[in-house]
Amino acid sequence: MVVTEEDVETVRAFNRFYTGVIGVLGEGLVRSPYSLTEARVVFELAQRPDTEVLALRRALALDAGYLSRMLTRFESDGLITRERSPDDARRQVVRLTSRGREVFAMLDERSVTEIRDLLHGLPPGERPGLLAAMRTIHGVLGDRPDRDGGVVLRPPRPGDLGWIVERNGALYDVECGWDRTYEALVAEIVADYARNHDPRRENAWIAEAGGVRVGGVFCVRRDDDVAQLRLLHVEPDTRGLGVGSALVEECVRFATEVGYAEMMLWTTALQHSAHRIYARAGFVLEAEERPVERFGSVVHGQVWRRKL
């Protein structure tokens, strides 16, 4: 797809607007004598006891001369110390002094306060949309899980069931505007599974990519002949990469293997990407429910089925 001049100007206009919002164009970041880049260097140095200068320059993609002048200023201000690496004398190691950590704490506290004030100033209904848009930008342009080993499906471990409840509640709040009654329903489903599931005929899977949890699903007994697929979710930054399909296919495989004759699921008309996954896995939309008030919204339910 061709990138148009209008596309470029849209990004530039957003950059100009947002740098003004966060105060980068003022005298200093969060009313301090430090620029955004200088504050970012201080932040990086605060994340570990010491840092090689070469690694710092590569991580932040900074010009060597520019970083050297910045570190010289920091050293003069008493924020850092520099010395040769004990492992390789050709390399320099830099660490924050106690004064440097005080500056980091000040910058961090002021940044948190300004962001909190920004969010508090928004109408409550607009905040989820803003945060969702920021997560989308981060997901598209930022680091994503390492998938060299592909998607791995595994049984739930301690803590995973709570994660399922948390992520379903958070995602459906942002993406569908559903309230906490949906999260309560998810918690009930998960608790019932944890207490009562029959391991011979029910199962659950967590999807991982690069050791990071990226989704989950449950296969539970509806009746002796029918299995139900429940709580399929895929993290936003890994959608479109086959995670959902892998989870659904594993559900179908398990249900077939343990002797169910049919599999069903309940979803809503909003979940268009999930519909495509279900259709590819052989599910057919059987029934559409009348829209009803549920989860603080109007929900248009659907029942999908597949013979096994």
Protein backbone atom coordinates (compact mmCIF):
# COMPACT_ATOMS: atom_id res chain seq x y z
CA MET A 1 0.00 0.00 0.00
CA VAL A 2 1.36 3.41 -1.00
CA VAL A 3 2.08 5.87 1.83
CA THR A 4 0.55 9.18 0.79
CA GLU A 5 1.61 12.70 1.69
CA GLU A 6 -1.62 12.94 3.68
CA ASP A 7 -0.58 9.86 5.70
CA VAL A 8 2.78 11.44 6.49
CA GLU A 9 1.20 14.74 7.50
CA THR A 10 -1.27 12.93 9.77
CA VAL A 11 1.61 11.37 11.72
CA ARG A 12 3.54 14.65 11.84
CA ALA A 13 0.49 16.56 13.05
CA PHE A 14 -0.08 14.00 15.81
CA ASN A 15 3.58 14.24 16.86
CA ARG A 16 3.42 18.03 17.06
CA PHE A 17 0.18 17.91 19.02
CA TYR A 18 1.24 15.23 21.49
CA THR A 19 4.66 16.69 22.26
CA GLY A 20 2.80 19.86 23.22
CA VAL A 21 0.41 17.89 25.43
CA ILE A 22 3.22 16.23 27.42
CA GLY A 23 5.14 19.46 27.79
CA VAL A 24 8.25 18.56 25.83
CA LEU A 25 8.24 21.95 24.13
CA GLY A 26 8.57 23.79 27.44
CA GLU A 27 11.84 24.77 29.05
CA GLY A 28 12.34 21.30 30.46
CA LEU A 29 10.54 18.04 30.97
CA VAL A 30 8.10 18.16 33.93
CA ARG A 31 9.41 21.55 35.09
CA SER A 32 13.00 20.35 35.35
CA PRO A 33 16.29 21.41 33.73
CA TYR A 34 16.37 18.16 31.74
CA SER A 35 15.16 17.53 28.19
CA LEU A 36 13.08 14.53 27.21
CA THR A 37 16.15 12.70 25.91
CA GLU A 38 18.15 13.47 29.05
CA ALA A 39 15.29 12.28 31.23
CA ARG A 40 15.07 9.07 29.19
CA VAL A 41 18.79 8.42 29.74
CA VAL A 42 18.37 8.94 33.48
CA PHE A 43 15.40 6.54 33.43
CA GLU A 44 17.42 3.86 31.62
CA LEU A 45 20.33 4.21 34.03
CA ALA A 46 17.95 3.82 36.99
CA GLN A 47 16.77 0.40 35.79
CA ARG A 48 20.01 -1.41 36.76
CA PRO A 49 23.07 -0.96 39.00
CA ASP A 50 25.37 -0.16 36.09
CA THR A 51 25.14 0.12 32.31
CA GLU A 52 27.67 -0.10 29.50
CA VAL A 53 27.71 3.14 27.52
CA LEU A 54 27.70 1.24 24.22
CA ALA A 55 24.57 -0.70 25.26
CA LEU A 56 22.90 2.54 26.37
CA ARG A 57 23.67 4.24 23.05
CA ARG A 58 22.31 1.30 21.06
CA ALA A 59 19.16 0.97 23.19
CA LEU A 60 18.27 4.64 22.71
CA ALA A 61 19.71 5.02 19.18
CA LEU A 62 21.73 8.08 20.21
CA ASP A 63 24.67 9.67 18.43
CA ALA A 64 27.91 8.76 20.23
CA GLY A 65 29.10 12.35 20.51
CA TYR A 66 25.73 13.61 21.73
CA LEU A 67 25.54 10.92 24.43
CA SER A 68 29.14 11.58 25.48
CA ARG A 69 28.44 15.30 25.98
CA MET A 70 25.29 14.47 27.93
CA LEU A 71 27.14 12.07 30.23
CA THR A 72 29.88 14.65 30.76
CA ARG A 73 27.24 17.12 31.93
CA PHE A 74 25.65 14.50 34.20
CA GLU A 75 29.06 13.72 35.69
CA SER A 76 29.72 17.41 36.28
CA ASP A 77 26.33 17.70 38.02
CA GLY A 78 27.14 14.74 40.25
CA LEU A 79 24.47 12.48 38.76
CA ILE A 80 26.71 9.67 37.50
CA THR A 81 30.11 8.06 37.78
CA ARG A 82 32.00 6.50 34.87
CA GLU A 83 34.70 3.83 34.86
CA ARG A 84 36.20 1.15 32.65
CA SER A 85 34.43 -2.19 32.50
CA PRO A 86 36.19 -4.84 34.60
CA ASP A 87 35.46 -7.36 31.81
CA ASP A 88 36.70 -5.26 28.89
CA ALA A 89 38.86 -2.14 29.44
CA ARG A 90 37.80 -0.81 26.04
CA ARG A 91 34.26 -0.37 27.31
CA GLN A 92 32.94 2.23 29.71
CA VAL A 93 30.41 1.57 32.48
CA VAL A 94 28.18 4.30 33.89
CA ARG A 95 26.04 4.25 37.04
CA LEU A 96 23.82 6.72 38.87
CA THR A 97 25.05 8.25 42.09
CA SER A 98 22.75 8.74 45.07
CA ARG A 99 22.18 12.27 43.73
CA GLY A 100 21.32 10.81 40.33
CA ARG A 101 18.74 8.50 41.89
CA GLU A 102 17.20 11.46 43.69
CA VAL A 103 16.86 13.23 40.33
CA PHE A 104 15.32 10.11 38.81
CA ALA A 105 12.80 9.87 41.67
CA MET A 106 11.91 13.55 41.18
CA LEU A 107 11.42 13.16 37.42
CA ASP A 108 9.42 9.98 37.87
CA GLU A 109 7.14 11.47 40.53
CA ARG A 110 6.47 14.64 38.51
CA SER A 111 5.78 12.63 35.37
CA VAL A 112 3.28 10.40 37.18
CA THR A 113 1.57 13.46 38.69
CA GLU A 114 1.24 15.24 35.35
CA ILE A 115 -0.13 12.14 33.59
CA ARG A 116 -2.56 11.51 36.44
CA ASP A 117 -3.76 15.12 36.18
CA LEU A 118 -4.15 14.75 32.41
CA LEU A 119 -6.29 11.61 32.81
CA HIS A 120 -8.34 13.06 35.67
CA GLY A 121 -9.20 16.01 33.45
CA LEU A 122 -10.90 13.77 30.88
CA PRO A 123 -14.60 12.84 31.02
CA PRO A 124 -14.75 9.27 32.42
CA GLY A 125 -16.27 7.93 29.22
CA GLU A 126 -13.37 9.18 27.09
CA ARG A 127 -10.50 7.78 29.16
CA PRO A 128 -10.87 4.09 28.05
CA GLY A 129 -10.85 5.11 24.39
CA LEU A 130 -7.70 7.21 24.81
CA LEU A 131 -5.86 4.42 26.65
CA ALA A 132 -6.98 1.85 24.09
CA ALA A 133 -5.66 4.05 21.26
CA MET A 134 -2.32 4.41 23.05
CA ARG A 135 -2.08 0.65 23.53
CA THR A 136 -2.85 0.18 19.84
CA ILE A 137 -0.05 2.55 18.78
CA HIS A 138 2.35 0.86 21.18
CA GLY A 139 1.31 -2.57 19.94
CA VAL A 140 1.78 -1.67 16.27
CA LEU A 141 5.03 0.29 16.57
CA GLY A 142 6.60 -1.13 19.72
CA ASP A 143 8.21 -4.36 20.76
CA ARG A 144 6.08 -7.47 20.28
CA PRO A 145 6.57 -10.94 21.76
CA ASP A 146 9.32 -13.01 20.19
CA ARG A 147 7.63 -15.64 18.05
CA ASP A 148 10.65 -17.44 16.64
CA GLY A 149 9.41 -20.60 18.33
CA GLY A 150 5.79 -20.01 17.25
CA VAL A 151 2.73 -20.23 19.48
CA VAL A 152 2.88 -22.79 22.28
CA LEU A 153 -0.26 -24.11 24.01
CA ARG A 154 0.07 -25.37 27.57
CA PRO A 155 -2.15 -26.24 30.56
CA PRO A 156 -2.88 -23.45 33.07
CA ARG A 157 -0.32 -22.91 35.82
CA PRO A 158 -0.83 -21.24 39.21
CA GLY A 159 -1.85 -17.64 38.55
CA ASP A 160 -3.09 -18.25 34.99
CA LEU A 161 -6.77 -18.53 35.93
CA GLY A 162 -6.64 -15.16 37.68
CA TRP A 163 -4.94 -13.74 34.59
CA ILE A 164 -7.80 -15.03 32.42
CA VAL A 165 -10.31 -13.17 34.60
CA GLU A 166 -8.23 -9.99 34.62
CA ARG A 167 -7.58 -9.88 30.88
CA ASN A 168 -11.18 -10.69 29.91
CA GLY A 169 -12.45 -7.95 32.22
CA ALA A 170 -9.95 -5.38 30.94
CA LEU A 171 -10.28 -6.18 27.22
CA TYR A 172 -14.06 -6.28 27.12
CA ASP A 173 -14.22 -3.02 29.07
CA VAL A 174 -11.99 -1.26 26.51
CA GLU A 175 -13.25 -2.96 23.35
CA CYS A 176 -16.97 -3.41 24.08
CA GLY A 177 -17.66 -1.01 26.96
CA TRP A 178 -18.88 -3.85 29.17
CA ASP A 179 -19.02 -3.24 32.91
CA ARG A 180 -17.80 -5.28 35.88
CA THR A 181 -20.76 -7.67 35.71
CA TYR A 182 -19.04 -9.32 32.74
CA GLU A 183 -15.83 -9.73 34.73
CA ALA A 184 -17.94 -11.20 37.55
CA LEU A 185 -19.39 -13.74 35.09
CA VAL A 186 -15.90 -14.68 33.90
CA ALA A 187 -14.78 -15.11 37.51
CA GLU A 188 -17.74 -17.44 38.16
CA ILE A 189 -16.95 -19.54 35.07
CA VAL A 190 -13.28 -19.81 36.00
CA ALA A 191 -14.02 -20.58 39.67
CA ASP A 192 -16.47 -23.32 38.68
CA TYR A 193 -13.85 -24.81 36.36
CA ALA A 194 -11.18 -24.71 39.07
CA ARG A 195 -13.46 -26.39 41.63
CA ASN A 196 -15.47 -28.87 39.60
CA HIS A 197 -14.01 -29.64 36.19
CA ASP A 198 -13.73 -33.24 35.06
CA PRO A 199 -10.21 -33.66 33.63
CA ARG A 200 -11.43 -36.57 31.49
CA ARG A 201 -13.89 -34.37 29.57
CA GLU A 202 -12.87 -30.75 30.24
CA ASN A 203 -9.69 -28.82 29.65
CA ALA A 204 -8.15 -25.35 29.33
CA TRP A 205 -5.15 -23.95 27.51
CA ILE A 206 -2.90 -20.91 27.76
CA ALA A 207 -1.22 -19.69 24.56
CA GLU A 208 2.34 -18.39 24.83
CA ALA A 209 4.62 -16.69 22.32
CA GLY A 210 8.22 -16.20 23.35
CA GLY A 211 7.31 -17.12 26.94
CA VAL A 212 4.63 -14.38 27.09
CA ARG A 213 0.96 -15.25 27.69
CA VAL A 214 -1.03 -14.16 24.65
CA GLY A 215 -4.39 -15.92 24.99
CA GLY A 216 -6.50 -18.66 26.50
CA VAL A 217 -9.59 -20.83 26.06
CA PHE A 218 -11.72 -23.41 27.93
CA CYS A 219 -13.47 -26.57 26.76
CA VAL A 220 -16.21 -27.54 29.23
CA ARG A 221 -19.08 -30.03 29.38
CA ARG A 222 -22.47 -28.70 28.28
CA ASP A 223 -24.09 -32.14 28.49
CA ASP A 224 -22.99 -35.71 27.79
CA ASP A 225 -22.95 -35.15 24.02
CA VAL A 226 -22.12 -31.44 23.72
CA ALA A 227 -18.92 -29.59 24.66
CA GLN A 228 -18.84 -25.81 25.02
CA LEU A 229 -15.98 -23.55 24.00
CA ARG A 230 -15.72 -20.69 26.50
CA LEU A 231 -13.67 -17.54 27.21
CA LEU A 232 -11.57 -17.48 24.06
CA HIS A 233 -9.36 -14.40 24.19
CA VAL A 234 -6.27 -13.25 22.31
CA GLU A 235 -4.09 -10.33 23.36
CA PRO A 236 -4.45 -7.37 20.95
CA ASP A 237 -0.80 -7.23 19.86
CA THR A 238 -0.84 -10.88 18.67
CA ARG A 239 -4.15 -10.92 16.82
CA GLY A 240 -4.00 -12.00 13.20
CA LEU A 241 -1.06 -14.33 13.90
CA GLY A 242 -2.95 -17.59 14.35
CA VAL A 243 -3.22 -17.61 18.16
CA GLY A 244 -7.02 -17.76 18.19
CA SER A 245 -7.12 -20.45 15.52
CA ALA A 246 -4.60 -22.58 17.41
CA LEU A 247 -6.68 -22.35 20.60
CA VAL A 248 -9.97 -23.17 18.86
CA GLU A 249 -8.45 -26.07 16.92
CA GLU A 250 -7.06 -27.54 20.13
CA CYS A 251 -10.50 -27.28 21.74
CA VAL A 252 -12.08 -29.09 18.80
CA ARG A 253 -9.38 -31.77 18.81
CA PHE A 254 -9.82 -32.43 22.53
CA ALA A 255 -13.63 -32.51 22.37
CA THR A 256 -13.51 -34.97 19.47
CA GLU A 257 -10.93 -37.15 21.19
CA VAL A 258 -12.91 -37.51 24.44
CA GLY A 259 -16.12 -38.47 22.68
CA TYR A 260 -18.40 -35.44 22.33
CA ALA A 261 -20.71 -35.47 19.31
CA GLU A 262 -21.00 -31.71 19.01
CA MET A 263 -19.39 -28.46 20.14
CA MET A 264 -21.16 -25.13 20.69
CA LEU A 265 -20.20 -21.64 21.77
CA TRP A 266 -21.88 -18.36 22.66
CA THR A 267 -20.54 -15.08 21.36
CA THR A 268 -21.92 -11.71 20.29
CA ALA A 269 -22.41 -9.89 17.00
CA LEU A 270 -19.52 -7.56 17.95
CA GLN A 271 -16.79 -10.22 17.79
CA HIS A 272 -16.22 -10.15 14.02
CA SER A 273 -12.62 -11.40 14.10
CA ALA A 274 -13.67 -14.32 16.32
CA HIS A 275 -16.46 -15.16 13.87
CA ARG A 276 -13.87 -15.71 11.14
CA ILE A 277 -11.88 -18.04 13.40
CA TYR A 278 -14.99 -20.05 14.27
CA ALA A 279 -16.08 -20.32 10.64
CA ARG A 280 -12.63 -21.55 9.56
CA ALA A 281 -12.79 -24.19 12.30
CA GLY A 282 -16.09 -25.51 10.94
CA PHE A 283 -18.56 -23.76 13.26
CA VAL A 284 -21.85 -22.52 11.80
CA LEU A 285 -23.99 -19.70 13.16
CA GLU A 286 -27.14 -21.47 14.35
CA ALA A 287 -29.13 -18.81 16.19
CA GLU A 288 -29.14 -15.08 16.84
CA GLU A 289 -30.70 -13.85 20.04
CA ARG A 290 -32.73 -10.67 20.39
CA PRO A 291 -30.64 -7.74 21.68
CA VAL A 292 -30.87 -7.45 25.47
CA GLU A 293 -29.49 -5.16 28.18
CA ARG A 294 -26.50 -6.96 29.65
CA PHE A 295 -23.07 -6.04 31.04
CA GLY A 296 -24.07 -2.38 31.02
CA SER A 297 -24.62 -2.44 27.27
CA VAL A 298 -26.93 -3.82 24.60
CA VAL A 299 -25.75 -7.34 23.77
CA HIS A 300 -26.75 -9.22 20.61
CA GLY A 301 -25.91 -12.86 21.37
CA GLN A 302 -25.15 -15.62 18.90
CA VAL A 303 -24.92 -19.41 19.20
CA TRP A 304 -22.49 -21.26 16.93
CA ARG A 305 -22.29 -25.06 16.59
CA ARG A 306 -20.12 -27.69 14.97
CA LYS A 307 -20.60 -31.44 14.57
CA LEU A 308 -17.62 -33.52 15.69
